[in-house]
Amino acid sequence: MTYRFHLPAVIAAVVLMAGCAGTPPERFYSLSSGMGAPAAKSGAAPAYYIEIPAVTVPQQVARSQLVVTTGDGRMDLLEQDRWTSPPASEIGQALSQIVTSNLGVVDVFRTPTPEGATVYRISTNVQRFESAPGKYALLDAVWSVRQVGSQKALTCRTVANETVGDGNEALVAGHRRAVARLGADVAGAVRALAANGSAACPA
């Protein structure tokens, strides 16, 4: 039996298979994975709640791909290395997990709360979110805590510059440590406000 092949179709199929074989897989990273155990549940109503609205980040890093800084000041977009969600969402979710875990409270953003409940709103503006593989992971954030219904707010700044090893896994781990430091600073301020009615920025 003789088989006939249409040569252009065969060439197209070979090129397609070669392209698929040569395309590296996409890798996805998360800042919130394993960042804090959920607050323990109890039958008693919590003494207070927290509310963490959407975090803001610089426009140049507000994308799903990792944006890395090179030694000559150039910024590269890594198409195959991506966040599981945009960095603002990643930071916000991780921050919520850390603060709720540290304080044993619930984040009620966009959730109804009991009438008369005490709620502390935490606003976060990330001014720098820099990734330098093999060098550092930098998070520079201005944040504020205000009891809902009050005009008085505590505004502070956290700068976390973490040294990292080679590879994007080490880079992401550095960003997790930086967000953990931010979360610890915020949790400390909320704890002081709830206990004393006043707080100071972390030293």
N, C-alpha and C. Protein backbone atom coordinates (compact mmCIF):
# COMPACT_ATOMS: atom_id res chain seq x y z
N MET A 1 0.85 -1.19 0.00
CA MET A 1 0.00 0.00 0.00
C MET A 1 0.88 1.24 0.00
N THR A 2 0.54 2.20 -0.84
CA THR A 2 1.32 3.43 -0.96
C THR A 2 0.60 4.57 -0.27
N TYR A 3 1.34 5.32 0.56
CA TYR A 3 0.77 6.47 1.24
C TYR A 3 1.28 7.74 0.58
N ARG A 4 0.40 8.69 0.37
CA ARG A 4 0.79 9.97 -0.21
C ARG A 4 0.64 11.05 0.86
N PHE A 5 1.62 11.90 0.99
CA PHE A 5 1.60 13.00 1.97
C PHE A 5 1.66 14.32 1.24
N HIS A 6 0.90 15.26 1.72
CA HIS A 6 0.93 16.62 1.17
C HIS A 6 2.09 17.35 1.85
N LEU A 7 3.16 17.63 1.10
CA LEU A 7 4.40 18.15 1.66
C LEU A 7 4.22 19.42 2.49
N PRO A 8 3.50 20.45 2.04
CA PRO A 8 3.34 21.65 2.88
C PRO A 8 2.69 21.35 4.21
N ALA A 9 1.72 20.43 4.21
CA ALA A 9 1.05 20.09 5.47
C ALA A 9 2.01 19.40 6.42
N VAL A 10 2.86 18.51 5.87
CA VAL A 10 3.84 17.81 6.70
C VAL A 10 4.82 18.81 7.31
N ILE A 11 5.29 19.76 6.52
CA ILE A 11 6.24 20.75 7.01
C ILE A 11 5.60 21.61 8.11
N ALA A 12 4.35 22.00 7.90
CA ALA A 12 3.65 22.82 8.90
C ALA A 12 3.51 22.06 10.21
N ALA A 13 3.19 20.78 10.13
CA ALA A 13 3.02 19.97 11.34
C ALA A 13 4.34 19.84 12.09
N VAL A 14 5.42 19.64 11.34
CA VAL A 14 6.74 19.50 11.97
C VAL A 14 7.14 20.79 12.66
N VAL A 15 6.90 21.92 12.00
CA VAL A 15 7.25 23.22 12.59
C VAL A 15 6.43 23.46 13.85
N LEU A 16 5.13 23.11 13.80
CA LEU A 16 4.27 23.30 14.97
C LEU A 16 4.74 22.47 16.14
N MET A 17 5.07 21.19 15.88
CA MET A 17 5.55 20.32 16.95
C MET A 17 6.88 20.80 17.52
N ALA A 18 7.74 21.30 16.66
CA ALA A 18 9.03 21.81 17.12
C ALA A 18 8.83 23.03 18.00
N GLY A 19 7.89 23.89 17.60
CA GLY A 19 7.62 25.09 18.40
C GLY A 19 7.08 24.73 19.76
N CYS A 20 6.15 23.76 19.81
CA CYS A 20 5.58 23.35 21.10
C CYS A 20 6.65 22.73 22.00
N ALA A 21 7.53 21.92 21.38
CA ALA A 21 8.55 21.26 22.18
C ALA A 21 9.56 22.25 22.73
N GLY A 22 9.79 23.36 21.96
CA GLY A 22 10.80 24.30 22.39
C GLY A 22 10.31 25.39 23.30
N THR A 23 8.99 25.49 23.54
CA THR A 23 8.44 26.54 24.40
C THR A 23 8.55 26.14 25.85
N PRO A 24 9.28 26.88 26.68
CA PRO A 24 9.40 26.52 28.09
C PRO A 24 8.07 26.68 28.81
N PRO A 25 7.81 25.88 29.82
CA PRO A 25 6.54 25.99 30.56
C PRO A 25 6.49 27.27 31.38
N GLU A 26 5.26 27.77 31.58
CA GLU A 26 5.09 28.93 32.44
C GLU A 26 5.18 28.50 33.90
N ARG A 27 5.79 29.34 34.71
CA ARG A 27 5.92 29.08 36.14
C ARG A 27 5.15 30.16 36.89
N PHE A 28 4.40 29.75 37.90
CA PHE A 28 3.56 30.66 38.65
C PHE A 28 4.00 30.74 40.11
N TYR A 29 3.98 31.96 40.66
CA TYR A 29 4.45 32.19 42.03
C TYR A 29 3.38 32.93 42.82
N SER A 30 3.36 32.69 44.12
CA SER A 30 2.39 33.34 44.99
C SER A 30 3.09 33.89 46.23
N LEU A 31 2.64 35.06 46.67
CA LEU A 31 3.16 35.63 47.91
C LEU A 31 2.38 35.15 49.12
N SER A 32 1.15 34.72 48.90
CA SER A 32 0.27 34.40 50.04
C SER A 32 0.32 32.94 50.46
N SER A 33 0.91 32.09 49.64
CA SER A 33 0.94 30.67 49.98
C SER A 33 1.72 30.42 51.27
N GLY A 34 1.04 29.85 52.27
CA GLY A 34 1.69 29.52 53.53
C GLY A 34 2.08 30.71 54.37
N MET A 35 1.44 31.87 54.17
CA MET A 35 1.84 33.08 54.88
C MET A 35 1.21 33.25 56.25
N GLY A 36 0.30 32.39 56.64
CA GLY A 36 -0.30 32.55 57.96
C GLY A 36 -1.46 31.60 58.13
N ALA A 37 -1.53 30.98 59.30
CA ALA A 37 -2.65 30.08 59.57
C ALA A 37 -3.90 30.91 59.83
N PRO A 38 -5.07 30.41 59.44
CA PRO A 38 -6.32 31.15 59.71
C PRO A 38 -6.51 31.37 61.20
N ALA A 39 -7.15 32.47 61.54
CA ALA A 39 -7.42 32.75 62.95
C ALA A 39 -8.31 31.66 63.54
N ALA A 40 -8.00 31.28 64.76
CA ALA A 40 -8.77 30.23 65.41
C ALA A 40 -10.21 30.70 65.64
N LYS A 41 -11.16 29.82 65.36
CA LYS A 41 -12.56 30.17 65.54
C LYS A 41 -13.02 29.88 66.96
N SER A 42 -13.88 30.72 67.47
CA SER A 42 -14.45 30.50 68.79
C SER A 42 -15.88 31.00 68.77
N GLY A 43 -16.64 30.64 69.78
CA GLY A 43 -18.03 31.05 69.82
C GLY A 43 -18.21 32.51 70.21
N ALA A 44 -17.22 33.11 70.84
CA ALA A 44 -17.33 34.50 71.30
C ALA A 44 -17.13 35.46 70.14
N ALA A 45 -17.86 36.57 70.18
CA ALA A 45 -17.69 37.61 69.16
C ALA A 45 -16.31 38.25 69.32
N PRO A 46 -15.60 38.53 68.22
CA PRO A 46 -14.27 39.15 68.33
C PRO A 46 -14.36 40.54 68.93
N ALA A 47 -13.28 40.95 69.59
CA ALA A 47 -13.26 42.28 70.21
C ALA A 47 -13.27 43.37 69.14
N TYR A 48 -12.70 43.08 67.98
CA TYR A 48 -12.68 44.04 66.88
C TYR A 48 -12.40 43.29 65.58
N TYR A 49 -12.54 44.01 64.47
CA TYR A 49 -12.29 43.46 63.15
C TYR A 49 -11.25 44.34 62.45
N ILE A 50 -10.70 43.81 61.36
CA ILE A 50 -9.86 44.64 60.49
C ILE A 50 -10.49 44.66 59.11
N GLU A 51 -10.08 45.65 58.35
CA GLU A 51 -10.58 45.81 56.98
C GLU A 51 -9.40 46.26 56.12
N ILE A 52 -9.04 45.45 55.14
CA ILE A 52 -7.90 45.77 54.28
C ILE A 52 -8.40 45.97 52.85
N PRO A 53 -8.63 47.23 52.45
CA PRO A 53 -9.04 47.51 51.06
C PRO A 53 -7.91 47.15 50.09
N ALA A 54 -8.21 47.31 48.80
CA ALA A 54 -7.24 46.97 47.76
C ALA A 54 -5.93 47.75 47.94
N VAL A 55 -4.83 47.03 47.80
CA VAL A 55 -3.50 47.62 47.88
C VAL A 55 -3.15 48.25 46.53
N THR A 56 -2.41 49.35 46.54
CA THR A 56 -1.95 49.95 45.29
C THR A 56 -0.45 49.71 45.13
N VAL A 57 -0.02 49.53 43.87
CA VAL A 57 1.39 49.30 43.55
C VAL A 57 1.78 50.19 42.38
N PRO A 58 3.09 50.42 42.16
CA PRO A 58 3.52 51.22 41.01
C PRO A 58 3.05 50.60 39.69
N GLN A 59 2.69 51.44 38.74
CA GLN A 59 2.13 50.96 37.48
C GLN A 59 3.08 50.04 36.74
N GLN A 60 4.40 50.29 36.83
CA GLN A 60 5.34 49.50 36.04
C GLN A 60 5.45 48.05 36.48
N VAL A 61 4.99 47.73 37.70
CA VAL A 61 5.03 46.34 38.15
C VAL A 61 3.62 45.76 38.31
N ALA A 62 2.61 46.50 37.91
CA ALA A 62 1.23 46.05 38.07
C ALA A 62 0.83 45.15 36.91
N ARG A 63 1.49 44.03 36.80
CA ARG A 63 1.23 43.08 35.72
C ARG A 63 1.49 41.67 36.23
N SER A 64 0.99 40.69 35.51
CA SER A 64 1.11 39.30 35.98
C SER A 64 2.54 38.78 35.86
N GLN A 65 3.29 39.24 34.86
CA GLN A 65 4.66 38.76 34.70
C GLN A 65 5.58 39.35 35.76
N LEU A 66 6.60 38.60 36.15
CA LEU A 66 7.62 39.15 37.05
C LEU A 66 8.39 40.22 36.29
N VAL A 67 8.60 41.35 36.94
CA VAL A 67 9.40 42.44 36.37
C VAL A 67 10.66 42.54 37.21
N VAL A 68 11.81 42.30 36.58
CA VAL A 68 13.06 42.26 37.32
C VAL A 68 13.99 43.39 36.89
N THR A 69 14.79 43.84 37.84
CA THR A 69 15.75 44.92 37.62
C THR A 69 17.12 44.33 37.37
N THR A 70 17.81 44.79 36.32
CA THR A 70 19.15 44.29 36.01
C THR A 70 20.20 45.25 36.56
N GLY A 71 21.45 44.85 36.46
CA GLY A 71 22.53 45.65 37.02
C GLY A 71 22.70 47.00 36.37
N ASP A 72 22.30 47.14 35.10
CA ASP A 72 22.48 48.42 34.39
C ASP A 72 21.24 49.29 34.48
N GLY A 73 20.31 48.94 35.36
CA GLY A 73 19.12 49.75 35.54
C GLY A 73 17.97 49.39 34.62
N ARG A 74 18.18 48.42 33.75
CA ARG A 74 17.11 48.01 32.84
C ARG A 74 16.10 47.13 33.59
N MET A 75 14.84 47.19 33.17
CA MET A 75 13.80 46.34 33.75
C MET A 75 13.34 45.35 32.69
N ASP A 76 13.38 44.06 33.02
CA ASP A 76 12.99 43.01 32.08
C ASP A 76 11.68 42.37 32.51
N LEU A 77 10.86 42.05 31.52
CA LEU A 77 9.58 41.39 31.74
C LEU A 77 9.78 39.90 31.46
N LEU A 78 9.54 39.04 32.47
CA LEU A 78 9.74 37.61 32.32
C LEU A 78 8.41 36.95 31.92
N GLU A 79 8.28 36.65 30.64
CA GLU A 79 7.01 36.15 30.12
C GLU A 79 6.64 34.79 30.69
N GLN A 80 7.63 33.96 31.00
CA GLN A 80 7.33 32.60 31.47
C GLN A 80 7.23 32.51 32.99
N ASP A 81 7.53 33.59 33.69
CA ASP A 81 7.49 33.59 35.15
C ASP A 81 6.45 34.60 35.60
N ARG A 82 5.37 34.10 36.20
CA ARG A 82 4.22 34.96 36.48
C ARG A 82 3.71 34.80 37.91
N TRP A 83 3.07 35.87 38.39
CA TRP A 83 2.35 35.79 39.65
C TRP A 83 1.01 35.10 39.41
N THR A 84 0.50 34.41 40.41
CA THR A 84 -0.80 33.75 40.25
C THR A 84 -1.92 34.78 40.11
N SER A 85 -1.72 35.98 40.61
CA SER A 85 -2.62 37.10 40.41
C SER A 85 -1.75 38.36 40.38
N PRO A 86 -2.27 39.51 39.93
CA PRO A 86 -1.45 40.72 39.88
C PRO A 86 -0.83 41.04 41.25
N PRO A 87 0.36 41.65 41.27
CA PRO A 87 1.06 41.91 42.53
C PRO A 87 0.23 42.62 43.59
N ALA A 88 -0.63 43.56 43.20
CA ALA A 88 -1.46 44.24 44.20
C ALA A 88 -2.34 43.25 44.94
N SER A 89 -2.92 42.31 44.20
CA SER A 89 -3.76 41.29 44.83
C SER A 89 -2.92 40.34 45.68
N GLU A 90 -1.76 39.95 45.17
CA GLU A 90 -0.88 39.05 45.92
C GLU A 90 -0.46 39.68 47.26
N ILE A 91 -0.05 40.94 47.22
CA ILE A 91 0.38 41.62 48.45
C ILE A 91 -0.80 41.77 49.40
N GLY A 92 -1.95 42.17 48.87
CA GLY A 92 -3.12 42.37 49.72
C GLY A 92 -3.56 41.09 50.40
N GLN A 93 -3.58 39.99 49.65
CA GLN A 93 -4.00 38.72 50.24
C GLN A 93 -3.01 38.24 51.29
N ALA A 94 -1.70 38.36 50.98
CA ALA A 94 -0.69 37.95 51.95
C ALA A 94 -0.75 38.81 53.20
N LEU A 95 -0.93 40.12 53.03
CA LEU A 95 -1.01 41.03 54.17
C LEU A 95 -2.21 40.67 55.05
N SER A 96 -3.34 40.38 54.43
CA SER A 96 -4.53 40.00 55.19
C SER A 96 -4.28 38.73 56.00
N GLN A 97 -3.64 37.75 55.38
CA GLN A 97 -3.36 36.50 56.08
C GLN A 97 -2.44 36.72 57.27
N ILE A 98 -1.41 37.54 57.08
CA ILE A 98 -0.44 37.76 58.15
C ILE A 98 -1.07 38.50 59.32
N VAL A 99 -1.80 39.58 59.03
CA VAL A 99 -2.37 40.40 60.10
C VAL A 99 -3.45 39.63 60.86
N THR A 100 -4.33 38.94 60.13
CA THR A 100 -5.38 38.19 60.82
C THR A 100 -4.79 37.06 61.65
N SER A 101 -3.73 36.44 61.15
CA SER A 101 -3.09 35.37 61.91
C SER A 101 -2.41 35.91 63.16
N ASN A 102 -1.73 37.03 63.04
CA ASN A 102 -1.03 37.62 64.19
C ASN A 102 -1.99 38.10 65.28
N LEU A 103 -3.13 38.64 64.85
CA LEU A 103 -4.06 39.23 65.81
C LEU A 103 -5.21 38.30 66.20
N GLY A 104 -5.42 37.23 65.45
CA GLY A 104 -6.53 36.36 65.73
C GLY A 104 -7.87 37.01 65.45
N VAL A 105 -7.92 37.83 64.39
CA VAL A 105 -9.15 38.54 64.04
C VAL A 105 -9.56 38.17 62.61
N VAL A 106 -10.62 38.83 62.13
CA VAL A 106 -11.16 38.55 60.81
C VAL A 106 -11.08 39.81 59.95
N ASP A 107 -10.70 39.62 58.68
CA ASP A 107 -10.71 40.71 57.70
C ASP A 107 -12.11 40.77 57.10
N VAL A 108 -12.82 41.88 57.34
CA VAL A 108 -14.21 41.99 56.91
C VAL A 108 -14.38 42.95 55.73
N PHE A 109 -13.35 43.12 54.94
CA PHE A 109 -13.47 44.00 53.78
C PHE A 109 -14.62 43.51 52.88
N ARG A 110 -15.54 44.41 52.56
CA ARG A 110 -16.72 44.14 51.74
C ARG A 110 -17.64 43.10 52.39
N THR A 111 -17.59 43.01 53.71
CA THR A 111 -18.44 42.07 54.43
C THR A 111 -19.20 42.82 55.51
N PRO A 112 -20.50 42.60 55.65
CA PRO A 112 -21.26 43.29 56.72
C PRO A 112 -20.72 42.92 58.10
N THR A 113 -20.73 43.88 59.00
CA THR A 113 -20.30 43.64 60.38
C THR A 113 -21.45 43.98 61.33
N PRO A 114 -21.43 43.43 62.54
CA PRO A 114 -22.49 43.74 63.51
C PRO A 114 -22.54 45.24 63.81
N GLU A 115 -23.71 45.73 64.09
CA GLU A 115 -23.87 47.15 64.40
C GLU A 115 -23.06 47.49 65.65
N GLY A 116 -22.31 48.57 65.57
CA GLY A 116 -21.49 49.01 66.70
C GLY A 116 -20.16 48.31 66.81
N ALA A 117 -19.84 47.41 65.88
CA ALA A 117 -18.57 46.69 65.95
C ALA A 117 -17.40 47.64 65.69
N THR A 118 -16.27 47.38 66.34
CA THR A 118 -15.06 48.16 66.11
C THR A 118 -14.30 47.57 64.93
N VAL A 119 -14.01 48.41 63.96
CA VAL A 119 -13.30 47.97 62.76
C VAL A 119 -12.12 48.90 62.52
N TYR A 120 -10.94 48.33 62.30
CA TYR A 120 -9.75 49.11 61.97
C TYR A 120 -9.46 48.93 60.48
N ARG A 121 -9.46 50.05 59.76
CA ARG A 121 -9.21 50.01 58.32
C ARG A 121 -7.71 50.23 58.07
N ILE A 122 -7.14 49.35 57.27
CA ILE A 122 -5.71 49.40 56.96
C ILE A 122 -5.55 49.70 55.47
N SER A 123 -5.02 50.86 55.16
CA SER A 123 -4.79 51.26 53.77
C SER A 123 -3.30 51.16 53.46
N THR A 124 -2.98 50.61 52.29
CA THR A 124 -1.58 50.36 51.96
C THR A 124 -1.26 50.83 50.55
N ASN A 125 -0.24 51.67 50.44
CA ASN A 125 0.25 52.17 49.15
C ASN A 125 1.70 51.72 49.00
N VAL A 126 1.91 50.72 48.14
CA VAL A 126 3.27 50.25 47.88
C VAL A 126 3.92 51.19 46.89
N GLN A 127 4.98 51.86 47.31
CA GLN A 127 5.64 52.84 46.46
C GLN A 127 6.77 52.24 45.63
N ARG A 128 7.38 51.17 46.16
CA ARG A 128 8.43 50.47 45.40
C ARG A 128 8.27 48.97 45.65
N PHE A 129 8.34 48.21 44.57
CA PHE A 129 8.29 46.75 44.63
C PHE A 129 9.31 46.27 43.62
N GLU A 130 10.55 46.11 44.07
CA GLU A 130 11.66 45.85 43.16
C GLU A 130 12.18 44.42 43.33
N SER A 131 12.52 43.83 42.19
CA SER A 131 13.00 42.46 42.15
C SER A 131 14.33 42.42 41.41
N ALA A 132 15.40 42.10 42.12
CA ALA A 132 16.73 41.99 41.52
C ALA A 132 17.24 40.58 41.80
N PRO A 133 17.07 39.62 40.88
CA PRO A 133 17.48 38.24 41.12
C PRO A 133 18.94 38.13 41.54
N GLY A 134 19.18 37.34 42.58
CA GLY A 134 20.54 37.16 43.08
C GLY A 134 21.03 38.30 43.93
N LYS A 135 20.20 39.33 44.13
CA LYS A 135 20.62 40.50 44.90
C LYS A 135 19.62 40.84 46.01
N TYR A 136 18.45 41.34 45.64
CA TYR A 136 17.53 41.78 46.69
C TYR A 136 16.08 41.75 46.22
N ALA A 137 15.17 41.73 47.19
CA ALA A 137 13.74 41.93 46.97
C ALA A 137 13.33 43.08 47.87
N LEU A 138 12.82 44.16 47.30
CA LEU A 138 12.55 45.38 48.04
C LEU A 138 11.06 45.70 48.04
N LEU A 139 10.55 45.99 49.23
CA LEU A 139 9.18 46.45 49.40
C LEU A 139 9.20 47.73 50.21
N ASP A 140 8.69 48.81 49.64
CA ASP A 140 8.63 50.12 50.31
C ASP A 140 7.16 50.54 50.31
N ALA A 141 6.54 50.54 51.49
CA ALA A 141 5.10 50.79 51.56
C ALA A 141 4.76 51.84 52.61
N VAL A 142 3.85 52.73 52.26
CA VAL A 142 3.26 53.67 53.21
C VAL A 142 1.89 53.13 53.56
N TRP A 143 1.60 53.01 54.85
CA TRP A 143 0.33 52.42 55.27
C TRP A 143 -0.26 53.22 56.43
N SER A 144 -1.56 53.09 56.59
CA SER A 144 -2.24 53.81 57.67
C SER A 144 -3.27 52.89 58.30
N VAL A 145 -3.52 53.15 59.58
CA VAL A 145 -4.54 52.43 60.33
C VAL A 145 -5.49 53.47 60.92
N ARG A 146 -6.79 53.26 60.72
CA ARG A 146 -7.78 54.19 61.25
C ARG A 146 -9.01 53.41 61.69
N GLN A 147 -9.49 53.72 62.87
CA GLN A 147 -10.73 53.10 63.31
C GLN A 147 -11.87 53.69 62.50
N VAL A 148 -12.67 52.83 61.90
CA VAL A 148 -13.78 53.29 61.08
C VAL A 148 -14.72 54.15 61.93
N GLY A 149 -15.04 55.34 61.40
CA GLY A 149 -15.87 56.28 62.14
C GLY A 149 -15.08 57.38 62.80
N SER A 150 -13.74 57.22 62.82
CA SER A 150 -12.87 58.23 63.41
C SER A 150 -12.06 58.91 62.30
N GLN A 151 -11.74 60.17 62.48
CA GLN A 151 -10.93 60.90 61.51
C GLN A 151 -9.44 60.78 61.81
N LYS A 152 -9.11 60.24 62.96
CA LYS A 152 -7.71 60.14 63.37
C LYS A 152 -7.09 58.88 62.78
N ALA A 153 -5.93 59.05 62.15
CA ALA A 153 -5.26 57.92 61.52
C ALA A 153 -3.78 57.91 61.88
N LEU A 154 -3.23 56.72 62.03
CA LEU A 154 -1.79 56.55 62.21
C LEU A 154 -1.20 56.19 60.85
N THR A 155 -0.28 56.99 60.35
CA THR A 155 0.34 56.75 59.05
C THR A 155 1.82 56.46 59.23
N CYS A 156 2.28 55.35 58.67
CA CYS A 156 3.67 54.90 58.86
C CYS A 156 4.24 54.42 57.52
N ARG A 157 5.51 54.09 57.58
CA ARG A 157 6.20 53.58 56.40
C ARG A 157 7.04 52.36 56.80
N THR A 158 6.98 51.33 55.97
CA THR A 158 7.81 50.15 56.17
C THR A 158 8.66 49.94 54.93
N VAL A 159 9.97 49.84 55.12
CA VAL A 159 10.89 49.53 54.02
C VAL A 159 11.60 48.23 54.37
N ALA A 160 11.36 47.21 53.57
CA ALA A 160 11.97 45.90 53.80
C ALA A 160 12.81 45.55 52.58
N ASN A 161 14.11 45.45 52.78
CA ASN A 161 15.05 45.11 51.70
C ASN A 161 15.70 43.79 52.05
N GLU A 162 15.27 42.72 51.38
CA GLU A 162 15.71 41.37 51.70
C GLU A 162 16.76 40.89 50.71
N THR A 163 17.89 40.43 51.23
CA THR A 163 18.93 39.84 50.38
C THR A 163 18.45 38.47 49.89
N VAL A 164 18.64 38.19 48.60
CA VAL A 164 18.17 36.92 48.03
C VAL A 164 19.28 36.24 47.25
N GLY A 165 19.15 34.93 47.12
CA GLY A 165 20.07 34.15 46.31
C GLY A 165 19.65 34.12 44.86
N ASP A 166 20.32 33.27 44.08
CA ASP A 166 20.02 33.16 42.66
C ASP A 166 18.68 32.46 42.45
N GLY A 167 18.02 32.80 41.35
CA GLY A 167 16.79 32.11 40.98
C GLY A 167 15.55 32.85 41.43
N ASN A 168 14.48 32.65 40.67
CA ASN A 168 13.24 33.34 40.99
C ASN A 168 12.56 32.81 42.24
N GLU A 169 12.79 31.53 42.58
CA GLU A 169 12.22 30.99 43.82
C GLU A 169 12.77 31.75 45.02
N ALA A 170 14.08 32.00 45.01
CA ALA A 170 14.69 32.75 46.11
C ALA A 170 14.20 34.19 46.12
N LEU A 171 13.98 34.75 44.94
CA LEU A 171 13.48 36.12 44.83
C LEU A 171 12.08 36.23 45.44
N VAL A 172 11.20 35.30 45.09
CA VAL A 172 9.84 35.32 45.62
C VAL A 172 9.85 35.09 47.13
N ALA A 173 10.73 34.20 47.59
CA ALA A 173 10.84 33.98 49.04
C ALA A 173 11.27 35.25 49.75
N GLY A 174 12.13 36.04 49.12
CA GLY A 174 12.53 37.32 49.69
C GLY A 174 11.36 38.29 49.77
N HIS A 175 10.53 38.32 48.74
CA HIS A 175 9.34 39.17 48.78
C HIS A 175 8.37 38.70 49.87
N ARG A 176 8.27 37.40 50.08
CA ARG A 176 7.41 36.91 51.16
C ARG A 176 7.91 37.41 52.51
N ARG A 177 9.22 37.39 52.72
CA ARG A 177 9.77 37.89 53.99
C ARG A 177 9.50 39.38 54.14
N ALA A 178 9.60 40.11 53.02
CA ALA A 178 9.35 41.56 53.07
C ALA A 178 7.89 41.84 53.43
N VAL A 179 6.96 41.11 52.82
CA VAL A 179 5.55 41.31 53.14
C VAL A 179 5.26 40.88 54.58
N ALA A 180 5.95 39.84 55.05
CA ALA A 180 5.77 39.41 56.44
C ALA A 180 6.20 40.50 57.41
N ARG A 181 7.27 41.21 57.08
CA ARG A 181 7.69 42.32 57.94
C ARG A 181 6.65 43.43 57.93
N LEU A 182 6.12 43.75 56.75
CA LEU A 182 5.06 44.75 56.65
C LEU A 182 3.86 44.34 57.50
N GLY A 183 3.46 43.08 57.38
CA GLY A 183 2.33 42.59 58.14
C GLY A 183 2.55 42.66 59.64
N ALA A 184 3.77 42.35 60.09
CA ALA A 184 4.08 42.43 61.51
C ALA A 184 4.01 43.86 62.01
N ASP A 185 4.49 44.82 61.20
CA ASP A 185 4.42 46.23 61.58
C ASP A 185 2.96 46.68 61.71
N VAL A 186 2.15 46.31 60.74
CA VAL A 186 0.74 46.71 60.75
C VAL A 186 0.02 46.07 61.94
N ALA A 187 0.25 44.78 62.16
CA ALA A 187 -0.40 44.08 63.26
C ALA A 187 -0.04 44.71 64.60
N GLY A 188 1.22 45.09 64.77
CA GLY A 188 1.64 45.73 66.01
C GLY A 188 0.92 47.05 66.25
N ALA A 189 0.73 47.82 65.19
CA ALA A 189 0.04 49.10 65.33
C ALA A 189 -1.43 48.89 65.68
N VAL A 190 -2.08 47.94 65.03
CA VAL A 190 -3.49 47.66 65.33
C VAL A 190 -3.64 47.17 66.77
N ARG A 191 -2.75 46.29 67.19
CA ARG A 191 -2.81 45.76 68.56
C ARG A 191 -2.70 46.89 69.58
N ALA A 192 -1.78 47.84 69.35
CA ALA A 192 -1.59 48.94 70.28
C ALA A 192 -2.83 49.85 70.28
N LEU A 193 -3.37 50.13 69.11
CA LEU A 193 -4.57 50.97 69.04
C LEU A 193 -5.74 50.32 69.78
N ALA A 194 -5.90 49.03 69.59
CA ALA A 194 -7.02 48.33 70.25
C ALA A 194 -6.84 48.30 71.76
N ALA A 195 -5.60 48.22 72.21
CA ALA A 195 -5.35 48.10 73.65
C ALA A 195 -5.31 49.47 74.35
N ASN A 196 -4.73 50.46 73.69
CA ASN A 196 -4.45 51.73 74.36
C ASN A 196 -5.15 52.94 73.73
N GLY A 197 -5.72 52.76 72.56
CA GLY A 197 -6.33 53.88 71.87
C GLY A 197 -5.35 54.75 71.13
N SER A 198 -4.08 54.41 71.19
CA SER A 198 -3.04 55.15 70.47
C SER A 198 -1.90 54.21 70.14
N ALA A 199 -1.10 54.60 69.15
CA ALA A 199 0.04 53.77 68.74
C ALA A 199 1.07 54.65 68.07
N ALA A 200 2.31 54.15 68.00
CA ALA A 200 3.39 54.85 67.31
C ALA A 200 3.88 53.97 66.17
N CYS A 201 4.50 54.60 65.18
CA CYS A 201 5.04 53.83 64.08
C CYS A 201 6.20 52.96 64.56
N PRO A 202 6.40 51.80 63.98
CA PRO A 202 7.53 50.94 64.36
C PRO A 202 8.86 51.67 64.18
N ALA A 203 9.77 51.42 65.08
CA ALA A 203 11.08 52.07 65.00
C ALA A 203 11.86 51.53 63.83
